[in-house]
Structures are given as structure tokens and as C-alpha cells.
Amino acid sequence: MGLDYDHFTGQRRWTESALQAAVASSETWTDVVSVLGLHGGSATATLKGHAARLGLDVTHLTQQCAASATDLRPDIVHLDRAGSMMAAAWFMLCGLEVSWPLEPCRYDLLVRREEAVRRVQVKTTRTREGSGWKVYLSKGRRERKPYDPDEIDDFFIIDGDLSYYVIPLATVGGLHAIRLGAYEAYRVTATSGGSDTTEPSARTSDSARTAV
């Protein structure tokens, strides 16, 4: 019938004509993604699929070479994304078995040591308070709730200095947030001579357990 459906974008923020123009003016698929103002690892695959459906000529487009490793710089702005993997790597370097839940759970990792299995919730923080770090142990955005002892056993905490803490829930149960400076006894090392990963023997004083 010769109808123009280009203005029907559904949930897309770009039109087919915009994609056609972006493809024609770009040298790489990375350029196309940038021109259309998209983000995320799936953007390129999505645009390739639409370009194929529309029969666009993309032979001139190439994949942009990945940056050299020497150009990469870790940044703690990504700490929340990397936290679970950093925690899993630490437990594995300690010789323990680590499993990931197949479905969303209250815990992030299952850590096995001999016959004991601990449910570990990973928390990261970039929140400074004075000269130390403050970390939220509760869950939820609108109404923060503490974790239940039936849900997890330990917190694995990584602060903005990339220091690691393993704190049993029994030590901080009911608290919404803590200042890590009061829990130095639970700070662990990344070397082979690290502290016990599942049940640190030290305990903080009652004053150190005061809620933030």
C-alpha cells in the first residue's frame, strides 16, 4: 500500500531513517551507536539486526579495535559492578569453593569450606564519612530493610580503598549501616596468609556496633 511506517518506533528512541543516515555517515559500528545516542553492550547487535532487516549497505563499517590494555585504568566508579566478582576471586584464592545462585537470591555467593556452606552478600561502598567509609547493609530503595538471618550468613564488604571485610551477619544484625573503621577486626588480607574467611575470631566492642 506504500505506507510509511518509519515514524513508528515502538520503544526505540531512533527512527529507521536515523539509522540509515547514521550507517551512511559512520566508519564503524561504534560510531553508529554513538550517533544514535545509545549505550550498552547489546546496542551494536540490535542495530546490526535492524540494518539487516532494512537491507542497508554496511560493508564499509568495521568493528572498532579494542583499547590496548595499557590504555585501561580501573576506576572505583565501577566498584558496585565488580564487587561480586572481586569477592568470588578472593574466596577462590583462599582455596574455597564458590558457587553463584542460578536465580535472584538475597545472597550473592555460596562459599563452601569443607562441609560448611556460607551464604554471602557482597556490599561495596564509595561513601566517605570523615576519614573512613560508611556502608549500607540494608536492602531496598524506598524503605530500607535489614537482612534476615534466614537469608544470609556473612557480608563481604569492599570499600573505596579496595580493602576487604568479612563480617558475620550475627555481628551486625539489625543495623542499616556501619562505619567500617569500627570493624577493623574483620578486615582481611588478599595474601595467602589471610584471615579466616567464614568465621573471624575477633569481635568488636558493643560501642563499635552502634547503628549509624
C-alpha atoms as a PDB file:
ATOM      1  CA  MET A   1       0.000   0.000   0.000  1.00  0.00           C
ATOM      2  CA  GLY A   2       3.063   2.245   0.084  1.00  0.00           C
ATOM      3  CA  LEU A   3       2.528   3.361   3.686  1.00  0.00           C
ATOM      4  CA  ASP A   4       5.408   4.942   5.597  1.00  0.00           C
ATOM      5  CA  TYR A   5       5.951   3.199   8.928  1.00  0.00           C
ATOM      6  CA  ASP A   6       9.217   4.983   9.725  1.00  0.00           C
ATOM      7  CA  HIS A   7       7.640   7.137  12.452  1.00  0.00           C
ATOM      8  CA  PHE A   8       6.504   4.038  14.365  1.00  0.00           C
ATOM      9  CA  THR A   9       9.494   3.398  16.643  1.00  0.00           C
ATOM     10  CA  GLY A  10       7.878   1.361  19.423  1.00  0.00           C
ATOM     11  CA  GLN A  11      10.223   1.548  22.421  1.00  0.00           C
ATOM     12  CA  ARG A  12      13.112   2.712  20.251  1.00  0.00           C
ATOM     13  CA  ARG A  13      14.448   6.248  20.573  1.00  0.00           C
ATOM     14  CA  TRP A  14      15.550   6.411  16.936  1.00  0.00           C
ATOM     15  CA  THR A  15      13.806   6.037  13.563  1.00  0.00           C
ATOM     16  CA  GLU A  16      14.745   3.815  10.662  1.00  0.00           C
ATOM     17  CA  SER A  17      15.746   6.867   8.632  1.00  0.00           C
ATOM     18  CA  ALA A  18      18.015   7.955  11.501  1.00  0.00           C
ATOM     19  CA  LEU A  19      19.651   4.526  11.453  1.00  0.00           C
ATOM     20  CA  GLN A  20      20.104   4.731   7.695  1.00  0.00           C
ATOM     21  CA  ALA A  21      21.731   8.158   7.991  1.00  0.00           C
ATOM     22  CA  ALA A  22      23.964   7.025  10.859  1.00  0.00           C
ATOM     23  CA  VAL A  23      25.148   3.977   8.918  1.00  0.00           C
ATOM     24  CA  ALA A  24      25.890   6.073   5.832  1.00  0.00           C
ATOM     25  CA  SER A  25      27.903   8.679   7.764  1.00  0.00           C
ATOM     26  CA  SER A  26      29.861   6.345  10.041  1.00  0.00           C
ATOM     27  CA  GLU A  27      33.022   4.303   9.653  1.00  0.00           C
ATOM     28  CA  THR A  28      32.485   1.836  12.496  1.00  0.00           C
ATOM     29  CA  TRP A  29      29.563   0.283  14.333  1.00  0.00           C
ATOM     30  CA  THR A  30      30.797   2.123  17.416  1.00  0.00           C
ATOM     31  CA  ASP A  31      30.244   5.384  15.533  1.00  0.00           C
ATOM     32  CA  VAL A  32      26.704   4.314  14.609  1.00  0.00           C
ATOM     33  CA  VAL A  33      25.885   3.546  18.253  1.00  0.00           C
ATOM     34  CA  SER A  34      27.298   6.916  19.305  1.00  0.00           C
ATOM     35  CA  VAL A  35      25.433   8.890  16.621  1.00  0.00           C
ATOM     36  CA  LEU A  36      22.141   7.383  17.757  1.00  0.00           C
ATOM     37  CA  GLY A  37      22.943   8.134  21.405  1.00  0.00           C
ATOM     38  CA  LEU A  38      22.748   4.514  22.533  1.00  0.00           C
ATOM     39  CA  HIS A  39      24.598   2.753  25.324  1.00  0.00           C
ATOM     40  CA  GLY A  40      25.091  -0.807  26.485  1.00  0.00           C
ATOM     41  CA  GLY A  41      26.766  -3.912  25.148  1.00  0.00           C
ATOM     42  CA  SER A  42      23.692  -5.077  23.214  1.00  0.00           C
ATOM     43  CA  ALA A  43      23.268  -1.862  21.204  1.00  0.00           C
ATOM     44  CA  THR A  44      25.571  -2.933  18.362  1.00  0.00           C
ATOM     45  CA  ALA A  45      23.900  -6.316  17.925  1.00  0.00           C
ATOM     46  CA  THR A  46      20.465  -4.679  17.953  1.00  0.00           C
ATOM     47  CA  LEU A  47      21.428  -2.130  15.295  1.00  0.00           C
ATOM     48  CA  LYS A  48      23.041  -4.810  13.124  1.00  0.00           C
ATOM     49  CA  GLY A  49      19.797  -6.756  13.200  1.00  0.00           C
ATOM     50  CA  HIS A  50      17.717  -3.748  12.171  1.00  0.00           C
ATOM     51  CA  ALA A  51      20.208  -2.834   9.448  1.00  0.00           C
ATOM     52  CA  ALA A  52      19.941  -6.350   8.026  1.00  0.00           C
ATOM     53  CA  ARG A  53      16.143  -6.195   8.134  1.00  0.00           C
ATOM     54  CA  LEU A  54      16.169  -2.889   6.274  1.00  0.00           C
ATOM     55  CA  GLY A  55      18.708  -4.114   3.724  1.00  0.00           C
ATOM     56  CA  LEU A  56      21.195  -1.338   4.492  1.00  0.00           C
ATOM     57  CA  ASP A  57      24.682  -1.483   2.987  1.00  0.00           C
ATOM     58  CA  VAL A  58      27.043  -1.910   5.933  1.00  0.00           C
ATOM     59  CA  THR A  59      30.082  -3.274   4.096  1.00  0.00           C
ATOM     60  CA  HIS A  60      32.030  -0.096   4.866  1.00  0.00           C
ATOM     61  CA  LEU A  61      31.523  -0.458   8.626  1.00  0.00           C
ATOM     62  CA  THR A  62      34.156  -2.160  10.743  1.00  0.00           C
ATOM     63  CA  GLN A  63      34.372  -3.113  14.382  1.00  0.00           C
ATOM     64  CA  GLN A  64      36.445  -0.631  16.347  1.00  0.00           C
ATOM     65  CA  CYS A  65      39.553  -2.230  17.776  1.00  0.00           C
ATOM     66  CA  ALA A  66      39.501  -2.685  21.500  1.00  0.00           C
ATOM     67  CA  ALA A  67      41.671  -0.353  23.505  1.00  0.00           C
ATOM     68  CA  SER A  68      45.119  -1.601  24.398  1.00  0.00           C
ATOM     69  CA  ALA A  69      45.387  -2.961  27.912  1.00  0.00           C
ATOM     70  CA  THR A  70      47.963  -0.268  28.630  1.00  0.00           C
ATOM     71  CA  ASP A  71      45.255   2.337  27.984  1.00  0.00           C
ATOM     72  CA  LEU A  72      42.860   0.884  30.566  1.00  0.00           C
ATOM     73  CA  ARG A  73      42.548   2.401  34.018  1.00  0.00           C
ATOM     74  CA  PRO A  74      40.453   0.801  36.788  1.00  0.00           C
ATOM     75  CA  ASP A  75      38.051   3.249  38.402  1.00  0.00           C
ATOM     76  CA  ILE A  76      36.109   2.668  41.626  1.00  0.00           C
ATOM     77  CA  VAL A  77      33.069   4.198  39.943  1.00  0.00           C
ATOM     78  CA  HIS A  78      32.561   0.629  38.653  1.00  0.00           C
ATOM     79  CA  LEU A  79      33.068  -0.953  42.083  1.00  0.00           C
ATOM     80  CA  ASP A  80      29.426  -1.929  42.529  1.00  0.00           C
ATOM     81  CA  ARG A  81      29.502  -3.904  39.257  1.00  0.00           C
ATOM     82  CA  ALA A  82      32.809  -5.604  40.042  1.00  0.00           C
ATOM     83  CA  GLY A  83      32.166  -6.332  43.719  1.00  0.00           C
ATOM     84  CA  SER A  84      30.744  -9.849  43.454  1.00  0.00           C
ATOM     85  CA  MET A  85      33.490 -10.982  41.104  1.00  0.00           C
ATOM     86  CA  MET A  86      36.180  -9.496  43.344  1.00  0.00           C
ATOM     87  CA  ALA A  87      34.685 -11.274  46.348  1.00  0.00           C
ATOM     88  CA  ALA A  88      34.447 -14.594  44.497  1.00  0.00           C
ATOM     89  CA  ALA A  89      38.058 -14.283  43.357  1.00  0.00           C
ATOM     90  CA  TRP A  90      39.202 -13.614  46.923  1.00  0.00           C
ATOM     91  CA  PHE A  91      37.448 -16.700  48.304  1.00  0.00           C
ATOM     92  CA  MET A  92      38.825 -18.839  45.468  1.00  0.00           C
ATOM     93  CA  LEU A  93      42.352 -17.544  46.098  1.00  0.00           C
ATOM     94  CA  CYS A  94      41.830 -18.719  49.675  1.00  0.00           C
ATOM     95  CA  GLY A  95      41.203 -22.206  48.313  1.00  0.00           C
ATOM     96  CA  LEU A  96      37.444 -22.285  48.907  1.00  0.00           C
ATOM     97  CA  GLU A  97      34.688 -23.408  46.547  1.00  0.00           C
ATOM     98  CA  VAL A  98      32.411 -20.631  45.260  1.00  0.00           C
ATOM     99  CA  SER A  99      29.007 -21.004  43.603  1.00  0.00           C
ATOM    100  CA  TRP A 100      26.651 -18.450  42.093  1.00  0.00           C
ATOM    101  CA  PRO A 101      22.862 -18.674  42.529  1.00  0.00           C
ATOM    102  CA  LEU A 102      21.021 -19.541  39.308  1.00  0.00           C
ATOM    103  CA  GLU A 103      18.081 -17.344  40.271  1.00  0.00           C
ATOM    104  CA  PRO A 104      17.945 -13.985  42.072  1.00  0.00           C
ATOM    105  CA  CYS A 105      18.560 -14.559  45.782  1.00  0.00           C
ATOM    106  CA  ARG A 106      19.189 -12.467  48.844  1.00  0.00           C
ATOM    107  CA  TYR A 107      22.765 -13.730  48.853  1.00  0.00           C
ATOM    108  CA  ASP A 108      25.274 -13.202  46.051  1.00  0.00           C
ATOM    109  CA  LEU A 109      27.596 -16.167  46.619  1.00  0.00           C
ATOM    110  CA  LEU A 110      27.653 -19.591  48.221  1.00  0.00           C
ATOM    111  CA  VAL A 111      31.045 -20.291  49.767  1.00  0.00           C
ATOM    112  CA  ARG A 112      31.934 -23.844  50.772  1.00  0.00           C
ATOM    113  CA  ARG A 113      34.657 -24.728  53.237  1.00  0.00           C
ATOM    114  CA  GLU A 114      34.855 -28.435  53.951  1.00  0.00           C
ATOM    115  CA  GLU A 115      31.287 -29.326  54.959  1.00  0.00           C
ATOM    116  CA  ALA A 116      30.160 -25.796  55.827  1.00  0.00           C
ATOM    117  CA  VAL A 117      28.367 -23.597  53.273  1.00  0.00           C
ATOM    118  CA  ARG A 118      28.008 -19.871  53.903  1.00  0.00           C
ATOM    119  CA  ARG A 119      25.595 -17.531  52.133  1.00  0.00           C
ATOM    120  CA  VAL A 120      27.475 -14.344  51.364  1.00  0.00           C
ATOM    121  CA  GLN A 121      26.007 -10.951  50.497  1.00  0.00           C
ATOM    122  CA  VAL A 122      28.515  -8.624  48.798  1.00  0.00           C
ATOM    123  CA  LYS A 123      28.399  -4.911  49.597  1.00  0.00           C
ATOM    124  CA  THR A 124      30.553  -2.136  48.182  1.00  0.00           C
ATOM    125  CA  THR A 125      30.867   1.465  49.240  1.00  0.00           C
ATOM    126  CA  ARG A 126      32.218   4.718  47.882  1.00  0.00           C
ATOM    127  CA  THR A 127      30.650   6.752  50.679  1.00  0.00           C
ATOM    128  CA  ARG A 128      33.143   8.678  52.766  1.00  0.00           C
ATOM    129  CA  GLU A 129      32.330   9.708  56.297  1.00  0.00           C
ATOM    130  CA  GLY A 130      35.132  11.670  57.860  1.00  0.00           C
ATOM    131  CA  SER A 131      38.370   9.793  57.294  1.00  0.00           C
ATOM    132  CA  GLY A 132      36.638   6.430  56.936  1.00  0.00           C
ATOM    133  CA  TRP A 133      33.996   4.605  54.937  1.00  0.00           C
ATOM    134  CA  LYS A 134      30.308   4.078  55.582  1.00  0.00           C
ATOM    135  CA  VAL A 135      28.486   1.099  54.076  1.00  0.00           C
ATOM    136  CA  TYR A 136      24.779   0.348  53.925  1.00  0.00           C
ATOM    137  CA  LEU A 137      23.894  -3.192  54.954  1.00  0.00           C
ATOM    138  CA  SER A 138      20.164  -2.892  54.362  1.00  0.00           C
ATOM    139  CA  LYS A 139      18.231  -3.574  51.183  1.00  0.00           C
ATOM    140  CA  GLY A 140      15.614  -1.685  49.238  1.00  0.00           C
ATOM    141  CA  ARG A 141      15.479   1.875  47.955  1.00  0.00           C
ATOM    142  CA  ARG A 142      12.237   3.394  49.204  1.00  0.00           C
ATOM    143  CA  GLU A 143      12.176   1.550  52.512  1.00  0.00           C
ATOM    144  CA  ARG A 144      15.468   0.061  53.616  1.00  0.00           C
ATOM    145  CA  LYS A 145      15.211  -3.225  55.490  1.00  0.00           C
ATOM    146  CA  PRO A 146      17.979  -5.175  57.240  1.00  0.00           C
ATOM    147  CA  TYR A 147      18.815  -8.695  56.090  1.00  0.00           C
ATOM    148  CA  ASP A 148      17.259 -11.610  57.924  1.00  0.00           C
ATOM    149  CA  PRO A 149      19.484 -14.320  59.480  1.00  0.00           C
ATOM    150  CA  ASP A 150      17.463 -16.817  57.434  1.00  0.00           C
ATOM    151  CA  GLU A 151      18.659 -15.096  54.228  1.00  0.00           C
ATOM    152  CA  ILE A 152      22.438 -14.713  54.570  1.00  0.00           C
ATOM    153  CA  ASP A 153      25.326 -15.648  56.865  1.00  0.00           C
ATOM    154  CA  ASP A 154      28.074 -13.134  56.057  1.00  0.00           C
ATOM    155  CA  PHE A 155      28.724  -9.775  54.464  1.00  0.00           C
ATOM    156  CA  PHE A 156      31.732  -9.394  52.190  1.00  0.00           C
ATOM    157  CA  ILE A 157      32.419  -5.658  52.042  1.00  0.00           C
ATOM    158  CA  ILE A 158      34.758  -3.759  49.708  1.00  0.00           C
ATOM    159  CA  ASP A 159      35.422  -0.098  50.419  1.00  0.00           C
ATOM    160  CA  GLY A 160      36.696   2.658  48.152  1.00  0.00           C
ATOM    161  CA  ASP A 161      40.298   1.884  49.103  1.00  0.00           C
ATOM    162  CA  LEU A 162      39.697  -1.701  47.920  1.00  0.00           C
ATOM    163  CA  SER A 163      40.035  -3.044  51.442  1.00  0.00           C
ATOM    164  CA  TYR A 164      38.087  -6.242  52.158  1.00  0.00           C
ATOM    165  CA  TYR A 165      35.999  -7.138  55.199  1.00  0.00           C
ATOM    166  CA  VAL A 166      34.199 -10.386  56.062  1.00  0.00           C
ATOM    167  CA  ILE A 167      31.611  -9.654  58.737  1.00  0.00           C
ATOM    168  CA  PRO A 168      29.144 -12.273  60.002  1.00  0.00           C
ATOM    169  CA  LEU A 169      25.511 -11.170  59.972  1.00  0.00           C
ATOM    170  CA  ALA A 170      25.344 -12.150  63.625  1.00  0.00           C
ATOM    171  CA  THR A 171      27.755  -9.296  64.362  1.00  0.00           C
ATOM    172  CA  VAL A 172      25.811  -6.557  62.580  1.00  0.00           C
ATOM    173  CA  GLY A 173      22.284  -7.966  62.555  1.00  0.00           C
ATOM    174  CA  GLY A 174      19.549  -5.334  62.528  1.00  0.00           C
ATOM    175  CA  LEU A 175      21.870  -2.476  61.554  1.00  0.00           C
ATOM    176  CA  HIS A 176      21.110  -0.476  58.424  1.00  0.00           C
ATOM    177  CA  ALA A 177      24.631   0.915  58.032  1.00  0.00           C
ATOM    178  CA  ILE A 178      28.018   0.795  59.750  1.00  0.00           C
ATOM    179  CA  ARG A 179      31.269   2.721  59.798  1.00  0.00           C
ATOM    180  CA  LEU A 180      33.953   0.302  58.706  1.00  0.00           C
ATOM    181  CA  GLY A 181      36.546   1.905  60.954  1.00  0.00           C
ATOM    182  CA  ALA A 182      34.805   0.254  63.902  1.00  0.00           C
ATOM    183  CA  TYR A 183      35.173  -3.194  62.311  1.00  0.00           C
ATOM    184  CA  GLU A 184      38.897  -3.353  61.608  1.00  0.00           C
ATOM    185  CA  ALA A 185      38.966  -6.712  63.396  1.00  0.00           C
ATOM    186  CA  TYR A 186      37.077  -8.159  60.421  1.00  0.00           C
ATOM    187  CA  ARG A 187      39.330  -6.704  57.767  1.00  0.00           C
ATOM    188  CA  VAL A 188      41.001  -9.474  55.764  1.00  0.00           C
ATOM    189  CA  THR A 189      44.107  -9.558  53.633  1.00  0.00           C
ATOM    190  CA  ALA A 190      44.459 -10.547  49.991  1.00  0.00           C
ATOM    191  CA  THR A 191      47.661 -12.512  50.643  1.00  0.00           C
ATOM    192  CA  SER A 192      47.931 -16.262  51.181  1.00  0.00           C
ATOM    193  CA  GLY A 193      48.219 -15.662  54.907  1.00  0.00           C
ATOM    194  CA  GLY A 194      44.750 -14.077  55.066  1.00  0.00           C
ATOM    195  CA  SER A 195      42.277 -14.254  57.888  1.00  0.00           C
ATOM    196  CA  ASP A 196      39.629 -16.914  58.235  1.00  0.00           C
ATOM    197  CA  THR A 197      37.070 -16.252  55.530  1.00  0.00           C
ATOM    198  CA  THR A 198      33.994 -17.634  57.190  1.00  0.00           C
ATOM    199  CA  GLU A 199      34.115 -17.030  60.921  1.00  0.00           C
ATOM    200  CA  PRO A 200      36.563 -14.308  62.018  1.00  0.00           C
ATOM    201  CA  SER A 201      37.544 -14.934  65.603  1.00  0.00           C
ATOM    202  CA  ALA A 202      37.765 -11.293  66.661  1.00  0.00           C
ATOM    203  CA  ARG A 203      34.695  -9.443  67.893  1.00  0.00           C
ATOM    204  CA  THR A 204      34.005  -5.737  68.066  1.00  0.00           C
ATOM    205  CA  SER A 205      33.038  -3.984  71.247  1.00  0.00           C
ATOM    206  CA  ASP A 206      29.443  -3.061  71.989  1.00  0.00           C
ATOM    207  CA  SER A 207      30.193   0.590  71.228  1.00  0.00           C
ATOM    208  CA  ALA A 208      31.552  -0.349  67.814  1.00  0.00           C
ATOM    209  CA  ARG A 209      28.254  -1.997  66.941  1.00  0.00           C
ATOM    210  CA  THR A 210      26.227   1.150  67.372  1.00  0.00           C
ATOM    211  CA  ALA A 211      23.948   1.781  64.412  1.00  0.00           C
ATOM    212  CA  VAL A 212      24.861   4.576  62.017  1.00  0.00           C
END
